[in-house]
Protein backbone atom coordinates (compact mmCIF):
# COMPACT_ATOMS: atom_id res chain seq x y z
CA MET A 1 -4.86 -2.83 -20.03
CA SER A 2 -4.91 -4.22 -17.12
CA GLY A 3 -1.31 -3.25 -16.47
CA LEU A 4 -1.82 0.33 -17.31
CA VAL A 5 -4.70 0.25 -14.42
CA GLN A 6 -2.78 -1.36 -12.42
CA ARG A 7 -0.11 1.40 -12.35
CA LEU A 8 -2.24 4.13 -12.22
CA SER A 9 -3.70 2.42 -9.27
CA ALA A 10 -0.25 2.31 -7.72
CA VAL A 11 0.44 5.75 -8.62
CA ARG A 12 -3.03 6.89 -6.78
CA ASP A 13 -2.13 5.03 -3.65
CA PHE A 14 1.49 6.31 -3.71
CA LEU A 15 0.29 10.06 -3.78
CA VAL A 16 -2.67 9.82 -1.35
CA SER A 17 -0.62 7.83 1.25
CA GLU A 18 1.26 10.86 2.00
CA PRO A 19 -1.22 14.23 1.62
CA VAL A 20 2.04 16.20 1.48
CA ARG A 21 2.56 14.79 -2.05
CA VAL A 22 -0.36 16.21 -2.99
CA SER A 23 -0.02 19.70 -1.59
CA ALA A 24 3.54 19.93 -3.26
CA ILE A 25 2.26 19.00 -6.85
CA LEU A 26 -0.63 21.55 -6.58
CA ARG A 27 1.75 24.14 -5.43
CA LEU A 28 3.70 24.47 -8.72
CA PRO A 29 1.01 25.45 -10.85
CA LEU A 30 -0.19 28.08 -8.25
CA ILE A 31 3.37 29.45 -8.45
CA ALA A 32 3.25 29.54 -12.30
CA LEU A 33 -0.18 31.31 -12.11
CA ILE A 34 1.16 33.90 -9.94
CA ALA A 35 4.39 34.72 -12.13
CA VAL A 36 1.77 34.86 -15.35
CA LEU A 37 -0.30 37.42 -13.39
CA VAL A 38 2.20 39.39 -12.26
CA TRP A 39 3.69 39.47 -15.71
CA ILE A 40 0.59 40.41 -17.36
CA TRP A 41 -0.82 42.83 -14.96
CA GLU A 42 2.49 44.80 -15.08
CA VAL A 43 2.21 45.85 -11.46
CA GLN A 44 5.08 48.57 -10.51
CA HIS A 45 6.78 46.75 -7.69
CA TRP A 46 8.79 48.40 -4.88
CA LEU A 47 11.53 46.12 -5.47
CA PRO A 48 10.73 44.11 -8.92
CA MET A 49 13.83 42.28 -9.19
CA LEU A 50 13.80 41.09 -5.57
CA TYR A 51 10.09 40.29 -6.16
CA ALA A 52 10.76 37.98 -9.48
CA GLY A 53 14.02 36.37 -7.54
CA ILE A 54 11.86 35.54 -4.34
CA LEU A 55 9.36 34.04 -6.61
CA GLY A 56 11.89 32.22 -8.83
CA ALA A 57 13.87 30.85 -5.99
CA TYR A 58 10.61 29.74 -4.51
CA ALA A 59 9.65 27.73 -7.96
CA VAL A 60 13.20 26.13 -7.71
CA ALA A 61 12.76 25.26 -3.87
CA ALA A 62 9.11 23.89 -4.96
CA VAL A 63 10.33 21.50 -7.43
CA ALA A 64 13.27 20.03 -5.44
CA TRP A 65 10.81 19.69 -2.55
CA LEU A 66 8.04 17.77 -4.75
CA VAL A 67 11.13 15.43 -6.20
CA ALA A 68 11.98 14.90 -2.68
CA VAL A 69 8.75 13.98 -1.09
CA LEU A 70 7.80 11.56 -4.54
CA ARG A 71 11.26 9.96 -4.23
CA GLY A 72 11.30 8.55 -0.47
CA PRO A 73 9.73 8.20 2.91
CA VAL A 74 8.14 11.43 3.84
CA PRO A 75 9.42 12.71 7.44
CA GLY A 76 6.86 13.66 10.12
CA TRP A 77 8.19 17.32 9.94
CA ALA A 78 7.60 17.82 6.19
CA ASP A 79 3.97 19.42 6.55
CA TRP A 80 5.05 22.01 9.01
CA ALA A 81 8.23 22.80 7.02
CA SER A 82 6.67 23.45 3.92
CA THR A 83 3.79 25.36 5.76
CA ALA A 84 6.66 27.79 7.23
CA VAL A 85 8.39 28.15 3.94
CA ASP A 86 5.23 29.11 2.23
CA LEU A 87 4.17 31.57 5.05
CA ALA A 88 7.75 33.06 4.85
CA VAL A 89 7.20 33.50 1.11
CA ILE A 90 4.32 35.26 1.25
CA VAL A 91 5.64 37.92 3.91
CA SER A 92 8.55 38.26 1.68
CA LEU A 93 6.58 39.06 -1.26
CA CYS A 94 4.36 41.08 0.67
CA LEU A 95 7.54 43.33 1.83
CA VAL A 96 8.87 43.82 -1.66
CA SER A 97 5.47 44.21 -3.61
CA GLY A 98 5.19 48.08 -2.75
CA GLY A 99 1.92 47.86 -2.70
CA ALA A 100 -1.39 45.98 -1.73
CA THR A 101 -2.42 45.40 -5.30
CA SER A 102 -4.89 42.61 -6.06
CA ALA A 103 -1.93 40.95 -8.13
CA LEU A 104 -0.89 40.12 -4.57
CA LEU A 105 -4.39 37.94 -4.39
CA PRO A 106 -3.11 34.68 -5.48
CA VAL A 107 -0.34 34.85 -3.00
CA PHE A 108 -2.66 34.34 0.24
CA PHE A 109 -3.91 30.90 -1.27
CA LEU A 110 -0.28 29.02 -0.78
CA LEU A 111 -1.30 28.71 2.73
CA PRO A 112 -4.76 27.01 2.80
CA ILE A 113 -3.12 24.54 0.04
CA SER A 114 -0.27 23.39 2.30
CA VAL A 115 -2.99 22.33 4.95
CA ALA A 116 -5.94 21.43 3.48
CA PHE A 117 -4.88 17.58 3.00
CA GLN A 118 -3.50 17.46 6.67
CA ASP A 119 -6.74 16.16 8.20
CA ARG A 120 -5.95 18.92 10.67
CA PRO A 121 -9.27 20.77 11.05
CA GLY A 122 -7.94 23.15 13.86
CA LEU A 123 -4.49 24.19 12.17
CA THR A 124 -6.34 24.82 8.74
CA ALA A 125 -8.87 27.32 10.43
CA ILE A 126 -5.91 29.03 12.24
CA ILE A 127 -3.91 29.31 8.76
CA GLY A 128 -7.18 30.15 6.79
CA ALA A 129 -7.83 32.68 9.42
CA ILE A 130 -4.48 34.15 9.14
CA THR A 131 -4.50 34.37 5.25
CA ALA A 132 -7.58 36.64 5.34
CA LEU A 133 -6.85 38.79 8.19
CA GLY A 134 -3.12 38.89 6.49
CA TYR A 135 -4.56 39.94 3.29
CA LEU A 136 -6.82 42.95 4.67
CA GLY A 137 -3.64 44.09 7.00
CA VAL A 138 -1.42 44.20 4.04
CA TRP A 139 -4.34 46.27 2.23
CA ILE A 140 -4.80 48.34 5.50
CA PHE A 141 -1.13 48.95 5.95
CA TYR A 142 -0.61 50.34 2.49
CA SER A 143 -3.73 52.46 2.30
CA LYS A 144 -2.29 54.33 5.26
CA ARG A 145 1.25 54.76 4.12
CA ASP A 146 0.14 55.71 0.57
CA ASP A 147 -2.89 58.47 0.85
CA THR A 148 -3.43 58.02 -2.71
CA VAL A 149 -4.41 54.28 -2.52
CA GLY A 150 -7.14 53.81 -0.38
CA LEU A 151 -9.35 51.10 0.50
CA PRO A 152 -11.65 49.90 -2.48
CA ASN A 153 -14.48 48.33 -1.90
CA MET A 154 -13.03 45.10 -3.88
CA VAL A 155 -10.74 44.39 -0.97
CA TYR A 156 -13.94 43.57 1.02
CA THR A 157 -14.78 41.07 -1.82
CA HIS A 158 -11.48 39.28 -1.96
CA PHE A 159 -11.38 39.35 1.82
CA GLY A 160 -14.97 37.41 1.93
CA PHE A 161 -13.54 34.74 -0.79
CA LEU A 162 -10.65 34.26 1.46
CA VAL A 163 -12.84 33.60 4.84
CA TRP A 164 -14.94 31.41 2.62
CA MET A 165 -11.93 29.21 1.51
CA ALA A 166 -10.98 29.22 5.22
CA VAL A 167 -14.23 27.91 6.23
CA ALA A 168 -14.63 25.60 3.23
CA THR A 169 -10.94 24.08 3.86
CA THR A 170 -11.68 23.75 7.74
CA ALA A 171 -14.98 21.84 6.88
CA LEU A 172 -13.10 19.63 4.39
CA SER A 173 -10.27 19.27 6.37
CA PHE A 174 -12.76 18.00 9.56
CA VAL A 175 -14.53 15.44 7.28
CA LEU A 176 -11.48 13.88 6.32
CA ALA A 177 -10.42 13.80 9.67
CA ARG A 178 -13.80 11.82 10.72
CA ARG A 179 -13.48 9.46 7.95
CA ALA A 180 -9.99 8.77 8.30
CA ALA A 181 -10.78 8.34 12.18
CA ARG A 182 -13.48 5.82 11.13
CA LEU A 183 -11.11 4.12 8.53
CA THR A 184 -8.60 3.82 11.11
CA ALA A 185 -11.28 2.14 13.41
CA LEU A 186 -12.88 0.08 10.78
CA GLN A 187 -8.86 -1.25 10.04
CA ALA A 188 -8.38 -2.03 13.57
CA ILE A 189 -11.55 -4.21 13.73
CA ARG A 190 -10.88 -5.81 10.59
CA ARG A 191 -7.11 -6.74 11.47
CA GLN A 192 -8.78 -8.15 14.93
CA LEU A 193 -11.27 -10.06 12.62
CA VAL A 194 -8.33 -11.48 10.36
CA SER A 195 -6.34 -12.46 13.31
CA GLU A 196 -9.31 -14.24 14.87
CA ALA A 197 -10.49 -15.76 11.75
CA MET A 198 -6.44 -16.94 10.90
CA GLN A 199 -6.60 -18.57 14.55
CA SER A 200 -9.95 -20.34 14.19
CA ASP A 201 -8.41 -21.68 10.44
CA GLU A 202 -5.18 -23.24 12.62
CA ARG A 203 -7.78 -24.72 15.35
CA HIS A 204 -9.25 -26.05 12.78
CA ASN A 205 -6.37 -27.54 10.61
CA ARG A 206 -5.00 -28.87 13.89
CA ALA A 207 -8.18 -30.78 14.58
CA VAL A 208 -8.46 -32.28 11.27
CA ALA A 209 -4.66 -32.98 11.09
CA GLU A 210 -4.96 -34.58 14.55
CA HIS A 211 -8.09 -36.58 13.04
CA LEU A 212 -6.26 -37.84 10.28
CA HIS A 213 -3.09 -38.64 11.70
CA ASP A 214 -5.03 -40.47 14.52
CA GLY A 215 -7.67 -42.11 12.10
CA ALA A 216 -6.91 -42.41 8.76
CA LEU A 217 -3.36 -42.76 8.31
CA GLN A 218 -2.92 -45.04 11.50
CA THR A 219 -5.59 -47.23 9.78
CA LEU A 220 -3.69 -46.93 6.55
CA LEU A 221 -0.05 -47.53 8.23
CA ALA A 222 -1.33 -50.90 9.74
CA ALA A 223 -3.00 -51.86 6.22
CA ARG A 224 0.44 -51.75 4.89
CA LEU A 225 2.05 -53.56 7.58
CA GLU A 226 -0.60 -56.21 7.27
CA LEU A 227 -0.10 -56.41 3.40
CA ASP A 228 3.72 -56.72 3.65
CA GLU A 229 3.25 -59.35 5.84
CA ALA A 230 0.90 -61.14 3.18
CA ARG A 231 3.58 -60.33 0.42
CA GLU A 232 6.19 -62.13 2.52
CA ARG A 233 3.89 -65.36 2.81
CA ASN A 234 3.00 -65.25 -0.77
CA PRO A 235 4.88 -63.07 -3.21
CA ASP A 236 2.57 -61.67 -6.06
CA PRO A 237 3.27 -58.73 -8.34
CA SER A 238 -0.48 -57.57 -7.54
CA LEU A 239 0.16 -57.19 -3.94
CA ASP A 240 3.43 -55.21 -4.75
CA ALA A 241 1.36 -52.86 -6.79
CA VAL A 242 -1.17 -52.60 -3.87
CA TYR A 243 1.66 -52.08 -1.67
CA ALA A 244 3.16 -49.28 -3.73
CA ALA A 245 -0.20 -47.52 -4.07
CA LEU A 246 -0.56 -47.65 -0.13
CA GLN A 247 2.61 -46.30 0.37
CA GLU A 248 2.31 -43.59 -1.81
CA THR A 249 -1.03 -42.77 -0.12
CA ALA A 250 0.30 -42.74 3.42
CA SER A 251 3.12 -40.78 2.15
CA GLY A 252 0.71 -37.92 0.66
CA LEU A 253 -1.44 -38.32 3.79
CA ARG A 254 1.82 -37.79 6.00
CA SER A 255 2.46 -34.49 3.86
CA THR A 256 -1.08 -33.30 4.06
CA VAL A 257 -0.94 -33.71 8.02
CA THR A 258 2.45 -31.96 8.20
CA GLU A 259 0.88 -29.15 6.14
CA LEU A 260 -2.20 -28.43 8.28
CA HIS A 261 -0.73 -28.87 11.88
CA PRO A 262 0.58 -25.79 12.85
CA GLN A 263 2.84 -26.66 15.31
CA VAL A 264 4.98 -28.19 12.49
CA LEU A 265 5.08 -25.28 11.12
CA ALA A 266 6.43 -23.43 14.18
CA GLN A 267 9.10 -26.27 14.61
CA LEU A 268 10.57 -26.06 10.89
CA GLY A 269 10.22 -22.12 10.47
CA LEU A 270 8.83 -20.56 7.77
CA THR A 271 11.83 -21.26 5.11
CA ALA A 272 12.16 -25.05 6.17
CA GLY A 273 8.33 -24.76 5.70
CA ILE A 274 8.10 -23.56 2.29
CA ARG A 275 11.22 -25.80 1.43
CA GLU A 276 8.96 -28.58 2.30
CA LEU A 277 6.17 -27.30 0.16
CA LEU A 278 8.43 -27.17 -2.82
CA ARG A 279 9.64 -30.39 -2.32
CA GLN A 280 5.89 -31.93 -1.72
CA PHE A 281 5.12 -29.52 -5.29
CA GLN A 282 7.67 -31.43 -7.23
CA CYS A 283 6.36 -34.81 -6.35
CA ARG A 284 2.86 -33.89 -7.47
CA TYR A 285 3.56 -32.04 -10.40
CA ASP A 286 6.12 -32.21 -13.20
CA VAL A 287 7.69 -28.81 -13.34
CA ASP A 288 10.97 -27.58 -12.76
CA VAL A 289 11.53 -25.78 -9.31
CA VAL A 290 14.25 -22.69 -8.77
CA ALA A 291 14.40 -21.63 -4.98
CA ASP A 292 16.23 -18.83 -3.63
CA LEU A 293 15.14 -18.81 -0.07
CA GLU A 294 16.55 -16.83 2.73
CA ASP A 295 16.41 -17.75 6.08
CA VAL A 296 13.68 -15.54 7.95
CA GLY A 297 13.22 -17.09 11.03
CA THR A 298 9.63 -17.77 12.35
CA PRO A 299 7.76 -14.41 12.00
CA GLN A 300 4.41 -13.98 13.47
CA THR A 301 2.76 -13.76 10.52
CA GLN A 302 4.53 -16.90 8.97
CA ALA A 303 1.10 -18.95 9.06
CA LEU A 304 -0.32 -16.49 6.63
CA VAL A 305 2.61 -16.39 4.49
CA TYR A 306 2.91 -19.99 4.48
CA ARG A 307 -0.66 -20.52 3.49
CA ALA A 308 -0.35 -17.87 0.89
CA ALA A 309 2.81 -20.17 -0.69
CA ARG A 310 0.64 -23.36 -0.40
CA GLU A 311 -2.37 -21.52 -2.27
CA LEU A 312 -0.37 -19.97 -5.05
CA LEU A 313 1.73 -23.31 -5.73
CA THR A 314 -1.46 -25.40 -5.56
CA ASN A 315 -3.00 -22.72 -8.28
CA VAL A 316 0.48 -22.92 -10.49
CA GLY A 317 0.20 -26.58 -10.75
CA LYS A 318 -3.47 -26.97 -11.16
CA HIS A 319 -4.37 -24.11 -13.70
CA ALA A 320 -1.05 -22.62 -14.81
CA GLY A 321 0.43 -25.07 -17.40
CA ALA A 322 3.67 -23.80 -16.33
CA THR A 323 7.20 -25.85 -16.77
CA THR A 324 9.26 -23.70 -14.29
CA VAL A 325 8.51 -21.99 -10.99
CA ARG A 326 10.78 -19.55 -9.53
CA VAL A 327 10.35 -18.81 -5.68
CA GLY A 328 11.98 -16.42 -3.30
CA LEU A 329 12.22 -15.44 0.17
CA VAL A 330 13.83 -12.62 1.59
CA GLU A 331 13.88 -10.17 4.62
CA ARG A 332 13.76 -6.65 3.84
CA GLY A 333 13.49 -4.45 6.92
CA GLU A 334 10.67 -5.16 8.94
CA ASP A 335 8.86 -7.08 5.92
CA VAL A 336 9.27 -10.59 4.85
CA ILE A 337 8.73 -10.85 1.03
CA LEU A 338 7.77 -14.16 -1.13
CA THR A 339 7.82 -13.58 -4.83
CA ILE A 340 6.52 -17.11 -6.83
CA PHE A 341 6.93 -16.66 -10.71
CA ASP A 342 5.52 -19.20 -13.37
CA ASP A 343 6.32 -19.34 -17.05
CA GLY A 344 2.63 -20.86 -17.74
CA SER A 345 -0.48 -19.52 -19.04
CA GLY A 346 -1.28 -16.29 -17.48
CA PHE A 347 -4.44 -14.63 -16.41
CA ASP A 348 -6.12 -11.10 -15.95
CA PRO A 349 -5.66 -10.19 -12.24
CA ASP A 350 -9.11 -8.44 -12.31
CA ILE A 351 -10.79 -11.90 -12.57
CA VAL A 352 -9.67 -12.28 -8.86
CA GLY A 353 -11.69 -9.48 -7.45
CA ALA A 354 -14.90 -10.66 -9.66
CA ALA A 355 -14.00 -14.26 -8.46
CA LEU A 356 -14.37 -12.89 -4.66
CA GLU A 357 -17.67 -11.64 -5.61
CA GLN A 358 -19.16 -14.88 -6.88
CA GLY A 359 -17.77 -16.55 -3.61
CA HIS A 360 -14.69 -17.92 -4.87
CA ILE A 361 -12.44 -17.00 -1.93
CA GLY A 362 -8.91 -18.52 -2.48
CA LEU A 363 -6.70 -15.61 -3.70
CA GLY A 364 -9.04 -12.92 -2.87
CA SER A 365 -9.15 -13.87 0.68
CA LEU A 366 -5.29 -13.92 0.53
CA LEU A 367 -5.57 -10.13 -0.76
CA ALA A 368 -8.03 -9.30 1.91
CA ARG A 369 -6.18 -10.83 4.93
CA PHE A 370 -2.64 -9.15 3.72
CA ASP A 371 -4.29 -5.87 3.38
CA ALA A 372 -5.91 -6.11 6.98
CA MET A 373 -2.52 -6.97 8.58
CA GLY A 374 -0.73 -4.11 6.75
CA GLY A 375 0.85 -6.16 3.86
CA SER A 376 -0.03 -6.71 0.24
CA MET A 377 -0.09 -9.53 -2.44
CA ARG A 378 0.57 -8.02 -5.85
CA ILE A 379 -0.48 -9.96 -8.92
CA ASP A 380 1.78 -8.88 -12.13
CA SER A 381 0.07 -11.21 -14.98
CA ASP A 382 -1.14 -11.07 -18.44
CA PRO A 383 -2.81 -14.15 -20.55
CA GLY A 384 0.00 -15.78 -22.28
CA ARG A 385 2.91 -14.29 -20.47
CA GLY A 386 2.87 -15.95 -16.98
CA THR A 387 2.52 -14.67 -13.53
CA GLN A 388 4.42 -13.09 -10.54
CA VAL A 389 2.99 -12.71 -7.50
CA THR A 390 4.74 -10.67 -4.72
CA VAL A 391 3.71 -11.00 -1.23
CA THR A 392 4.41 -8.76 1.42
CA SER A 393 3.93 -9.11 4.95
CA PRO A 394 5.30 -7.20 8.38
CA ARG A 395 7.32 -9.59 10.64
């Protein structure tokens, strides 16, 4: 169930990320309704075959356009191009219709639907006004051309509806544009706060690492040296056991200092840093590690990716009960992608949000930080089938 919810959420985010995708979907049922209405109404067109041909070609183009915008990135000129095609189709259908009948009314909804999702109030208002005035102008032209048609009162009602739609879509676009501007400002503030929080974490980690290195680690190394001298004077198996424990503790403490100090990561680079993490992980846990790490250099977001790798590996070691962990690191375009898969017990990804609300900020904090920095962290897991986490971060 959680997998279905995640897929639906991904589809929703994909559609709303580009408004032209939404308008491309809504355009198809409107074209179908126009075709059905004309078929039912039995309008005597001036050039009926040409009218049907234009509408059919428009439907084919609309389907092709929908496939194009769903398959790949949407270019910047896409909104304008689709609106221009809608305008050309409206003019063509009006010219070949042979009369300003009410069957043409749905045709004039094509333009507002093209711009309603573009967050451009000015353009929406202009297009809406053109739509309403164009419908009225077509009726006036054909009423003057054919004295038997006249100008029915229903035309003014239709004109009023089109004006109302223009005002409504403009108001909607204005509200969406204001909300988008506020969200952009909040996103910038959020990104700044995340950056400052990461810098604060680095300063804190550096201070802790230096304190451990200059204090506890040096004291431990001095004790180990004295114990080594005592072992030479008085060989004793119990002293050897204590010496081995001190050796292991010093090694673990040195690894901790290496993990915490940001300058170490800056010198090593992200790939070497994660490789060292994996070495320490294998020393602590009885888990097979399969690593496929590309050299990605030292991206500006490497501290966050490194922290994600450390947090995720720690969770695998403590909670997953896995026998094998697969770790990948690649660079694709402007993104650095880290993947960690384990064959452990798995879990319900929805509990991450619940845990964050309860104050457990481990994975939830990472999710928020990657989102704020323009990246993502996708968790694919179900109880009993392991877990795969895909971390995408801009360089």
